[in-house]
Amino acid sequence: MKLLRVGPTGAERPALLDENGTLRDLSGLVGDVDGALLADPEALGRLRAAATSGALPALADQNPRIGPPIGRIGKIVCIGLNYHDHARETGATAPEEPIVFMKAPDTVVGPEDTVLVPRGSTKTDWEVELGVVIGRTARYLGSHAEALDAVGGYVLSHDVSEREYQIERGGQWDKGKNCETFNPLGPWLVTADEVPDPQALGARLWVNGDLKQDGTTAEQIFPVAEVVRYLSHFMTLYPGDVINTGTPAGVAMGQPEPKPYLRAGDVVELEIDGLGRQRSVLKDA
């Protein structure tokens, strides 16, 4: 299923995108698309049955604002330098264990919402990423099979980054990752059953129409199953938590001087196979 949330910021309501591309209203069946829903197989089953039967009403507005596809996110855990080609382009050695940092849930905006360039920023960068949404509580997982069983779905994620803040201001990555609007998410949450192999997804990103990233999750150093298993030994993962799993080659930081960092007025578009497409216009904060 393709689950999403539509409507004004802070007042989104749950919806479903059916096989014909029609938006269907879920508000009569569930309160929200969130961790509680993903952790409830009976509720998900009712949604699937309703979608199959054609009983869900179409939204009156088929072109609404689309908000983040997950409500009440508990935490966003991110994996750095997780693609072989991205590590090579930045001159970094492939890590022996996943590099972990956090983003605050309040960085999340909708897939077509404005992205703000922080005041004083000169190195705002783009990163198309596969987002993993946890569907059941996970702690001390012992196998990749258990890890994949804990995944509730997948989303398209844009891990916007400010490289000066991240690298040159004390080496604390969180500084360059948590600026306002720095995690557009969506448009949809695609349930895990519709993504049979998360290591076979193409990921692409354009800036002002120019293709910058064109990669595949097959390049991940630590695949989704290992990332989820690994993280569960350092923290408890709860339904609705999001994991950003890293970005392929093609970011501004990895390009020759002068590096084409983002500026107000730039348009960033990105997509991952089966997970939809985003379009963000940048403006100064």
Protein backbone atom coordinates (compact mmCIF):
# COMPACT_ATOMS: atom_id res chain seq x y z
CA MET A 1 0.00 0.00 0.00
CA LYS A 2 0.97 3.60 -0.59
CA LEU A 3 -0.02 5.52 2.54
CA LEU A 4 0.22 9.28 2.85
CA ARG A 5 -1.03 12.29 4.77
CA VAL A 6 -2.66 15.28 3.08
CA GLY A 7 -3.83 18.72 4.07
CA PRO A 8 -2.48 21.87 5.75
CA THR A 9 0.65 21.71 7.88
CA GLY A 10 -0.21 20.33 11.29
CA ALA A 11 -3.68 19.23 10.20
CA GLU A 12 -2.87 16.41 7.78
CA ARG A 13 -5.28 13.51 7.47
CA PRO A 14 -4.56 9.94 6.37
CA ALA A 15 -5.00 8.86 2.77
CA LEU A 16 -4.12 6.07 0.37
CA LEU A 17 -2.98 6.20 -3.24
CA ASP A 18 -4.69 3.38 -5.12
CA GLU A 19 -3.45 1.44 -8.14
CA ASN A 20 -5.20 3.86 -10.49
CA GLY A 21 -3.50 6.91 -8.99
CA THR A 22 -6.61 8.09 -7.11
CA LEU A 23 -6.27 9.48 -3.60
CA ARG A 24 -8.60 7.73 -1.16
CA ASP A 25 -9.70 9.02 2.24
CA LEU A 26 -8.67 6.86 5.22
CA SER A 27 -9.94 9.15 7.96
CA GLY A 28 -13.03 6.96 8.49
CA LEU A 29 -10.85 3.95 9.29
CA VAL A 30 -7.70 5.23 11.02
CA GLY A 31 -6.72 8.33 12.91
CA ASP A 32 -3.33 8.80 11.28
CA VAL A 33 -0.51 7.12 9.40
CA ASP A 34 1.95 6.59 12.24
CA GLY A 35 3.82 4.02 14.25
CA ALA A 36 0.67 2.79 15.98
CA LEU A 37 -0.87 1.92 12.61
CA LEU A 38 2.26 0.19 11.33
CA ALA A 39 2.43 -1.90 14.50
CA ASP A 40 -1.19 -3.06 14.15
CA PRO A 41 -1.46 -5.86 11.57
CA GLU A 42 -5.24 -6.05 11.99
CA ALA A 43 -5.65 -2.35 11.14
CA LEU A 44 -3.36 -2.73 8.14
CA GLY A 45 -5.38 -5.74 7.05
CA ARG A 46 -8.60 -3.74 7.22
CA LEU A 47 -7.03 -1.03 5.08
CA ARG A 48 -5.90 -3.56 2.48
CA ALA A 49 -9.34 -5.12 2.39
CA ALA A 50 -11.04 -1.75 2.03
CA ALA A 51 -8.65 -0.71 -0.73
CA THR A 52 -9.23 -3.96 -2.61
CA SER A 53 -13.01 -3.75 -2.28
CA GLY A 54 -13.16 -0.21 -3.65
CA ALA A 55 -15.03 0.94 -0.55
CA LEU A 56 -12.73 3.85 0.25
CA PRO A 57 -14.12 7.24 -0.80
CA ALA A 58 -12.05 9.37 -3.16
CA LEU A 59 -10.75 12.65 -1.79
CA ALA A 60 -12.70 15.61 -3.14
CA ASP A 61 -9.40 17.39 -3.78
CA GLN A 62 -7.12 15.17 -5.85
CA ASN A 63 -4.28 17.74 -5.77
CA PRO A 64 -3.91 18.59 -2.09
CA ARG A 65 -0.79 19.57 -0.23
CA ILE A 66 0.99 16.34 0.65
CA GLY A 67 2.52 16.33 4.08
CA PRO A 68 5.13 14.01 5.59
CA PRO A 69 3.75 10.47 5.20
CA ILE A 70 4.35 9.57 8.87
CA GLY A 71 2.95 11.36 11.88
CA ARG A 72 4.48 11.53 15.35
CA ILE A 73 7.95 10.33 14.36
CA GLY A 74 9.87 9.32 17.47
CA LYS A 75 13.41 9.66 16.14
CA ILE A 76 15.35 9.82 12.90
CA VAL A 77 18.56 7.80 12.86
CA CYS A 78 20.95 8.41 9.96
CA ILE A 79 23.80 6.41 8.48
CA GLY A 80 26.76 8.33 7.04
CA LEU A 81 29.10 7.27 4.22
CA ASN A 82 27.02 4.17 3.49
CA TYR A 83 27.61 3.93 -0.27
CA HIS A 84 30.87 2.73 -1.80
CA ASP A 85 30.69 5.34 -4.58
CA HIS A 86 29.90 8.21 -2.16
CA ALA A 87 32.83 7.26 0.10
CA ARG A 88 35.12 7.27 -2.94
CA GLU A 89 33.95 10.67 -4.19
CA THR A 90 34.57 12.30 -0.79
CA GLY A 91 37.99 10.66 -0.39
CA ALA A 92 36.87 8.76 2.69
CA THR A 93 37.74 5.22 3.64
CA ALA A 94 34.73 2.91 3.71
CA PRO A 95 33.77 2.55 7.38
CA GLU A 96 34.16 -0.76 9.16
CA GLU A 97 30.97 -0.14 11.12
CA PRO A 98 28.00 2.11 10.32
CA ILE A 99 28.52 5.80 11.07
CA VAL A 100 25.50 6.92 13.09
CA PHE A 101 24.07 10.38 13.71
CA MET A 102 20.62 11.75 14.48
CA LYS A 103 18.20 14.21 12.96
CA ALA A 104 15.41 15.78 14.98
CA PRO A 105 11.86 14.92 13.90
CA ASP A 106 11.09 18.62 13.54
CA THR A 107 13.38 18.78 10.49
CA VAL A 108 10.72 16.81 8.58
CA VAL A 109 8.55 18.60 6.02
CA GLY A 110 6.41 17.46 3.12
CA PRO A 111 7.80 16.39 -0.26
CA GLU A 112 6.98 19.68 -1.97
CA ASP A 113 7.44 22.06 0.94
CA THR A 114 10.00 24.85 0.87
CA VAL A 115 13.53 24.05 2.03
CA LEU A 116 15.26 26.89 3.89
CA VAL A 117 18.91 27.77 3.32
CA PRO A 118 20.24 28.59 6.82
CA ARG A 119 21.37 32.14 7.51
CA GLY A 120 25.05 32.46 6.65
CA SER A 121 25.15 29.13 4.86
CA THR A 122 27.52 28.72 1.91
CA LYS A 123 27.58 24.90 1.72
CA THR A 124 24.01 23.60 1.74
CA ASP A 125 24.06 20.21 -0.01
CA TRP A 126 21.62 17.61 -1.31
CA GLU A 127 21.35 13.87 -0.54
CA VAL A 128 18.72 11.49 -1.93
CA GLU A 129 18.20 8.64 0.54
CA LEU A 130 16.15 5.52 1.12
CA GLY A 131 14.24 5.95 4.36
CA VAL A 132 13.30 2.88 6.40
CA VAL A 133 10.28 3.11 8.71
CA ILE A 134 10.18 0.76 11.67
CA GLY A 135 6.98 -1.25 12.09
CA ARG A 136 7.57 -3.11 15.35
CA THR A 137 9.71 -2.59 18.43
CA ALA A 138 13.22 -3.88 17.79
CA ARG A 139 15.97 -4.48 20.32
CA TYR A 140 19.02 -6.76 20.14
CA LEU A 141 17.97 -8.34 16.85
CA GLY A 142 19.93 -11.49 16.06
CA SER A 143 19.57 -11.84 12.30
CA HIS A 144 18.91 -10.04 9.06
CA ALA A 145 15.59 -11.86 8.76
CA GLU A 146 14.48 -10.45 12.12
CA ALA A 147 15.64 -7.01 11.03
CA LEU A 148 13.63 -7.01 7.81
CA ASP A 149 10.62 -8.31 9.74
CA ALA A 150 10.83 -5.17 11.90
CA VAL A 151 10.52 -2.88 8.87
CA GLY A 152 7.05 -1.44 8.35
CA GLY A 153 7.74 0.42 5.13
CA TYR A 154 9.99 2.61 3.04
CA VAL A 155 9.97 6.29 2.10
CA LEU A 156 11.85 8.71 -0.11
CA SER A 157 13.98 10.96 2.10
CA HIS A 158 16.05 14.07 1.36
CA ASP A 159 18.84 14.41 3.93
CA VAL A 160 19.67 18.07 3.31
CA SER A 161 23.06 18.96 4.84
CA GLU A 162 25.15 22.05 5.55
CA ARG A 163 28.74 20.90 5.04
CA GLU A 164 30.52 23.79 6.78
CA TYR A 165 28.40 23.28 9.89
CA GLN A 166 28.82 19.51 9.64
CA ILE A 167 32.59 19.32 9.07
CA GLU A 168 34.25 22.66 9.84
CA ARG A 169 32.40 23.75 12.99
CA GLY A 170 33.83 21.29 15.48
CA GLY A 171 33.26 18.06 13.60
CA GLN A 172 29.80 17.45 15.06
CA TRP A 173 27.65 16.23 12.20
CA ASP A 174 24.40 17.09 13.98
CA LYS A 175 25.12 20.81 13.48
CA GLY A 176 24.90 20.42 9.72
CA LYS A 177 21.95 18.05 9.69
CA ASN A 178 19.32 19.60 11.94
CA CYS A 179 18.57 22.95 10.36
CA GLU A 180 14.91 23.80 9.86
CA THR A 181 13.22 21.94 6.94
CA PHE A 182 16.31 19.74 6.36
CA ASN A 183 14.39 16.46 5.87
CA PRO A 184 11.67 16.52 3.21
CA LEU A 185 9.94 13.14 3.41
CA GLY A 186 7.55 11.32 1.13
CA PRO A 187 5.29 11.54 -0.80
CA TRP A 188 4.23 8.07 0.32
CA LEU A 189 5.03 5.42 2.85
CA VAL A 190 5.14 2.18 0.85
CA THR A 191 4.50 -0.83 3.05
CA ALA A 192 7.34 -3.34 3.23
CA ASP A 193 5.43 -6.07 1.42
CA GLU A 194 5.57 -3.97 -1.76
CA VAL A 195 9.37 -3.58 -1.65
CA PRO A 196 10.66 -7.15 -1.99
CA ASP A 197 14.33 -6.13 -2.28
CA PRO A 198 15.43 -2.81 -0.73
CA GLN A 199 18.89 -3.38 -2.24
CA ALA A 200 17.61 -3.11 -5.82
CA LEU A 201 16.25 0.45 -5.93
CA GLY A 202 17.45 3.19 -8.24
CA ALA A 203 17.83 6.65 -6.67
CA ARG A 204 18.13 9.90 -8.63
CA LEU A 205 18.34 13.63 -7.88
CA TRP A 206 18.27 16.71 -10.08
CA VAL A 207 19.19 20.34 -9.33
CA ASN A 208 17.57 22.87 -11.66
CA GLY A 209 16.93 20.05 -14.11
CA ASP A 210 20.51 18.74 -14.16
CA LEU A 211 20.95 15.13 -13.03
CA LYS A 212 23.36 15.09 -10.08
CA GLN A 213 22.82 11.68 -8.46
CA ASP A 214 22.00 8.47 -10.30
CA GLY A 215 22.73 5.52 -8.04
CA THR A 216 21.40 2.29 -6.66
CA THR A 217 20.93 0.89 -3.18
CA ALA A 218 23.00 -2.08 -4.36
CA GLU A 219 26.00 0.20 -3.64
CA GLN A 220 25.22 0.35 0.08
CA ILE A 221 28.13 -0.74 2.25
CA PHE A 222 25.74 -1.83 5.00
CA PRO A 223 22.42 -3.03 3.55
CA VAL A 224 19.09 -2.22 5.15
CA ALA A 225 18.91 -5.50 7.08
CA GLU A 226 22.35 -4.97 8.61
CA VAL A 227 21.64 -1.33 9.45
CA VAL A 228 18.46 -2.23 11.34
CA ARG A 229 20.10 -5.19 13.10
CA TYR A 230 23.15 -3.11 14.05
CA LEU A 231 21.19 -0.14 15.38
CA SER A 232 19.01 -2.41 17.54
CA HIS A 233 22.10 -3.24 19.62
CA PHE A 234 22.70 0.43 20.48
CA MET A 235 19.16 1.76 20.85
CA THR A 236 15.60 0.51 20.89
CA LEU A 237 13.82 1.10 17.61
CA TYR A 238 10.11 1.83 17.90
CA PRO A 239 7.26 1.77 15.36
CA GLY A 240 7.31 5.04 13.43
CA ASP A 241 11.05 5.64 13.87
CA VAL A 242 12.80 6.51 10.59
CA ILE A 243 16.26 5.45 9.44
CA ASN A 244 17.94 7.44 6.65
CA THR A 245 20.28 4.88 5.09
CA GLY A 246 22.81 7.09 3.29
CA THR A 247 23.27 8.62 -0.14
CA PRO A 248 24.95 7.55 -3.40
CA ALA A 249 27.63 9.53 -5.23
CA GLY A 250 26.92 12.92 -6.78
CA VAL A 251 26.59 15.33 -3.86
CA ALA A 252 27.95 18.86 -4.21
CA MET A 253 30.70 18.18 -1.65
CA GLY A 254 32.17 15.50 -3.91
CA GLN A 255 32.36 17.66 -7.04
CA PRO A 256 35.27 19.80 -8.31
CA GLU A 257 35.72 23.41 -7.26
CA PRO A 258 33.78 25.60 -7.35
CA LYS A 259 31.41 23.18 -5.71
CA PRO A 260 27.79 23.81 -6.77
CA TYR A 261 26.20 24.14 -3.35
CA LEU A 262 22.54 25.07 -3.15
CA ARG A 263 21.29 28.64 -3.16
CA ALA A 264 17.90 30.31 -2.74
CA GLY A 265 15.85 29.81 -5.89
CA ASP A 266 17.31 26.40 -6.73
CA VAL A 267 14.87 23.58 -7.43
CA VAL A 268 15.74 20.08 -6.21
CA GLU A 269 13.85 17.05 -7.51
CA LEU A 270 14.48 13.49 -6.41
CA GLU A 271 13.00 10.03 -6.75
CA ILE A 272 13.51 6.40 -5.78
CA ASP A 273 12.01 3.54 -7.75
CA GLY A 274 8.51 2.82 -6.47
CA LEU A 275 8.66 5.43 -3.70
CA GLY A 276 7.56 8.52 -5.62
CA ARG A 277 9.09 11.88 -6.36
CA GLN A 278 9.82 15.11 -4.50
CA ARG A 279 10.24 18.70 -5.65
CA SER A 280 11.53 21.40 -3.32
CA VAL A 281 12.25 25.06 -4.01
CA LEU A 282 14.90 26.65 -1.80
CA LYS A 283 14.64 30.05 -0.17
CA ASP A 284 16.68 31.96 2.40
CA ALA A 285 15.71 31.46 6.02
